[in-house]
Amino acid sequence: MKKIIIILFIINLIILTTITKNSTKKLENEIFTIKENISLLKNKHSLVLLEYNFLTSPEKLMEYQSKYFKKNLIFLKKNKIKKINIINDELIINN
């Protein structure tokens, strides 16, 4: 009777170990995939940030001004900018 209990216990341990290893392997694969995706997104973010900083630098803005606008542009504060809406062929100016 003791031998049967010991054999069943060992078989149960083997099965539990196998299940645990499989689930751990799946989790490791998911973690690796997520880390790779995060790495790719970080690279993409840094490139987009670099592009944004390059395109909005004062030198580039001055270059665009001279290239695309005939008149000189003037500086305005944010609170001076107004929004124009067209509703039923009427112009409505909002702050």
C-alpha atoms as a PDB file:
ATOM      1  CA  MET A   1       0.000   0.000   0.000  1.00  0.00           C
ATOM      2  CA  LYS A   2       2.867   2.371   0.820  1.00  0.00           C
ATOM      3  CA  LYS A   3       4.520   1.687  -2.519  1.00  0.00           C
ATOM      4  CA  ILE A   4       1.332   2.623  -4.400  1.00  0.00           C
ATOM      5  CA  ILE A   5       1.009   5.881  -2.471  1.00  0.00           C
ATOM      6  CA  ILE A   6       4.655   6.756  -3.136  1.00  0.00           C
ATOM      7  CA  ILE A   7       4.327   5.935  -6.845  1.00  0.00           C
ATOM      8  CA  LEU A   8       1.133   8.012  -7.140  1.00  0.00           C
ATOM      9  CA  PHE A   9       2.824  10.876  -5.317  1.00  0.00           C
ATOM     10  CA  ILE A  10       5.816  10.767  -7.672  1.00  0.00           C
ATOM     11  CA  ILE A  11       3.582  10.614 -10.756  1.00  0.00           C
ATOM     12  CA  ASN A  12       1.570  13.544  -9.413  1.00  0.00           C
ATOM     13  CA  LEU A  13       4.768  15.544  -8.870  1.00  0.00           C
ATOM     14  CA  ILE A  14       5.946  14.784 -12.403  1.00  0.00           C
ATOM     15  CA  ILE A  15       2.626  15.939 -13.877  1.00  0.00           C
ATOM     16  CA  LEU A  16       2.582  19.116 -11.787  1.00  0.00           C
ATOM     17  CA  THR A  17       6.165  19.872 -12.730  1.00  0.00           C
ATOM     18  CA  THR A  18       5.371  19.449 -16.422  1.00  0.00           C
ATOM     19  CA  ILE A  19       2.335  21.725 -16.196  1.00  0.00           C
ATOM     20  CA  THR A  20       4.327  24.353 -14.317  1.00  0.00           C
ATOM     21  CA  LYS A  21       7.184  24.278 -16.826  1.00  0.00           C
ATOM     22  CA  ASN A  22       4.800  24.626 -19.772  1.00  0.00           C
ATOM     23  CA  SER A  23       2.963  27.558 -18.258  1.00  0.00           C
ATOM     24  CA  THR A  24       6.252  29.218 -17.328  1.00  0.00           C
ATOM     25  CA  LYS A  25       7.537  28.767 -20.879  1.00  0.00           C
ATOM     26  CA  LYS A  26       4.405  30.406 -22.288  1.00  0.00           C
ATOM     27  CA  LEU A  27       4.782  33.331 -19.895  1.00  0.00           C
ATOM     28  CA  GLU A  28       8.429  33.770 -20.826  1.00  0.00           C
ATOM     29  CA  ASN A  29       7.508  33.855 -24.512  1.00  0.00           C
ATOM     30  CA  GLU A  30       4.835  36.476 -23.880  1.00  0.00           C
ATOM     31  CA  ILE A  31       7.226  38.578 -21.816  1.00  0.00           C
ATOM     32  CA  PHE A  32       9.874  38.379 -24.538  1.00  0.00           C
ATOM     33  CA  THR A  33       7.359  39.413 -27.208  1.00  0.00           C
ATOM     34  CA  ILE A  34       6.139  42.343 -25.137  1.00  0.00           C
ATOM     35  CA  LYS A  35       9.688  43.494 -24.410  1.00  0.00           C
ATOM     36  CA  GLU A  36      10.513  43.375 -28.126  1.00  0.00           C
ATOM     37  CA  ASN A  37       7.402  45.393 -28.939  1.00  0.00           C
ATOM     38  CA  ILE A  38       8.306  47.944 -26.289  1.00  0.00           C
ATOM     39  CA  SER A  39      11.809  48.200 -27.690  1.00  0.00           C
ATOM     40  CA  LEU A  40      10.485  48.817 -31.197  1.00  0.00           C
ATOM     41  CA  LEU A  41       8.044  51.420 -29.922  1.00  0.00           C
ATOM     42  CA  LYS A  42      10.793  53.204 -27.994  1.00  0.00           C
ATOM     43  CA  ASN A  43      12.909  53.375 -31.140  1.00  0.00           C
ATOM     44  CA  LYS A  44       9.990  54.681 -33.134  1.00  0.00           C
ATOM     45  CA  HIS A  45       9.207  57.230 -30.436  1.00  0.00           C
ATOM     46  CA  SER A  46      12.767  58.515 -30.385  1.00  0.00           C
ATOM     47  CA  LEU A  47      12.762  58.900 -34.177  1.00  0.00           C
ATOM     48  CA  VAL A  48       9.456  60.741 -34.161  1.00  0.00           C
ATOM     49  CA  LEU A  49      10.652  62.979 -31.350  1.00  0.00           C
ATOM     50  CA  LEU A  50      13.846  63.743 -33.257  1.00  0.00           C
ATOM     51  CA  GLU A  51      11.851  64.573 -36.374  1.00  0.00           C
ATOM     52  CA  TYR A  52       9.491  66.789 -34.397  1.00  0.00           C
ATOM     53  CA  ASN A  53      12.351  68.653 -32.735  1.00  0.00           C
ATOM     54  CA  PHE A  54      14.104  69.088 -36.051  1.00  0.00           C
ATOM     55  CA  LEU A  55      11.020  70.360 -37.853  1.00  0.00           C
ATOM     56  CA  THR A  56      10.032  72.775 -35.106  1.00  0.00           C
ATOM     57  CA  SER A  57      13.445  74.239 -34.433  1.00  0.00           C
ATOM     58  CA  PRO A  58      13.598  78.036 -34.853  1.00  0.00           C
ATOM     59  CA  GLU A  59      16.055  77.708 -37.703  1.00  0.00           C
ATOM     60  CA  LYS A  60      13.750  75.402 -39.638  1.00  0.00           C
ATOM     61  CA  LEU A  61      10.752  77.608 -38.960  1.00  0.00           C
ATOM     62  CA  MET A  62      12.624  80.616 -40.302  1.00  0.00           C
ATOM     63  CA  GLU A  63      13.628  78.621 -43.339  1.00  0.00           C
ATOM     64  CA  TYR A  64      10.010  77.593 -43.957  1.00  0.00           C
ATOM     65  CA  GLN A  65       8.894  81.175 -43.517  1.00  0.00           C
ATOM     66  CA  SER A  66      11.257  82.464 -46.176  1.00  0.00           C
ATOM     67  CA  LYS A  67      10.472  79.544 -48.461  1.00  0.00           C
ATOM     68  CA  TYR A  68       6.665  79.429 -48.267  1.00  0.00           C
ATOM     69  CA  PHE A  69       5.480  82.861 -47.098  1.00  0.00           C
ATOM     70  CA  LYS A  70       5.959  86.085 -48.993  1.00  0.00           C
ATOM     71  CA  LYS A  71       5.189  88.393 -46.090  1.00  0.00           C
ATOM     72  CA  ASN A  72       6.939  88.358 -42.770  1.00  0.00           C
ATOM     73  CA  LEU A  73       5.251  86.446 -40.016  1.00  0.00           C
ATOM     74  CA  ILE A  74       4.651  88.013 -36.636  1.00  0.00           C
ATOM     75  CA  PHE A  75       4.770  86.566 -33.165  1.00  0.00           C
ATOM     76  CA  LEU A  76       1.453  86.132 -31.308  1.00  0.00           C
ATOM     77  CA  LYS A  77       0.788  84.920 -27.817  1.00  0.00           C
ATOM     78  CA  LYS A  78      -1.548  81.973 -27.372  1.00  0.00           C
ATOM     79  CA  ASN A  79      -4.302  84.022 -25.766  1.00  0.00           C
ATOM     80  CA  LYS A  80      -4.384  86.396 -28.767  1.00  0.00           C
ATOM     81  CA  ILE A  81      -5.188  83.598 -31.221  1.00  0.00           C
ATOM     82  CA  LYS A  82      -8.863  83.270 -32.032  1.00  0.00           C
ATOM     83  CA  LYS A  83     -10.834  80.514 -33.654  1.00  0.00           C
ATOM     84  CA  ILE A  84     -13.096  81.192 -36.612  1.00  0.00           C
ATOM     85  CA  ASN A  85     -16.111  78.965 -37.204  1.00  0.00           C
ATOM     86  CA  ILE A  86     -18.391  79.076 -40.194  1.00  0.00           C
ATOM     87  CA  ILE A  87     -21.982  78.209 -39.312  1.00  0.00           C
ATOM     88  CA  ASN A  88     -24.753  78.743 -41.855  1.00  0.00           C
ATOM     89  CA  ASP A  89     -22.537  81.028 -43.954  1.00  0.00           C
ATOM     90  CA  GLU A  90     -21.777  83.225 -40.927  1.00  0.00           C
ATOM     91  CA  LEU A  91     -18.374  83.805 -39.442  1.00  0.00           C
ATOM     92  CA  ILE A  92     -18.251  83.324 -35.702  1.00  0.00           C
ATOM     93  CA  ILE A  93     -15.058  84.294 -33.875  1.00  0.00           C
ATOM     94  CA  ASN A  94     -14.257  82.512 -30.604  1.00  0.00           C
ATOM     95  CA  ASN A  95     -11.320  82.868 -28.245  1.00  0.00           C
END
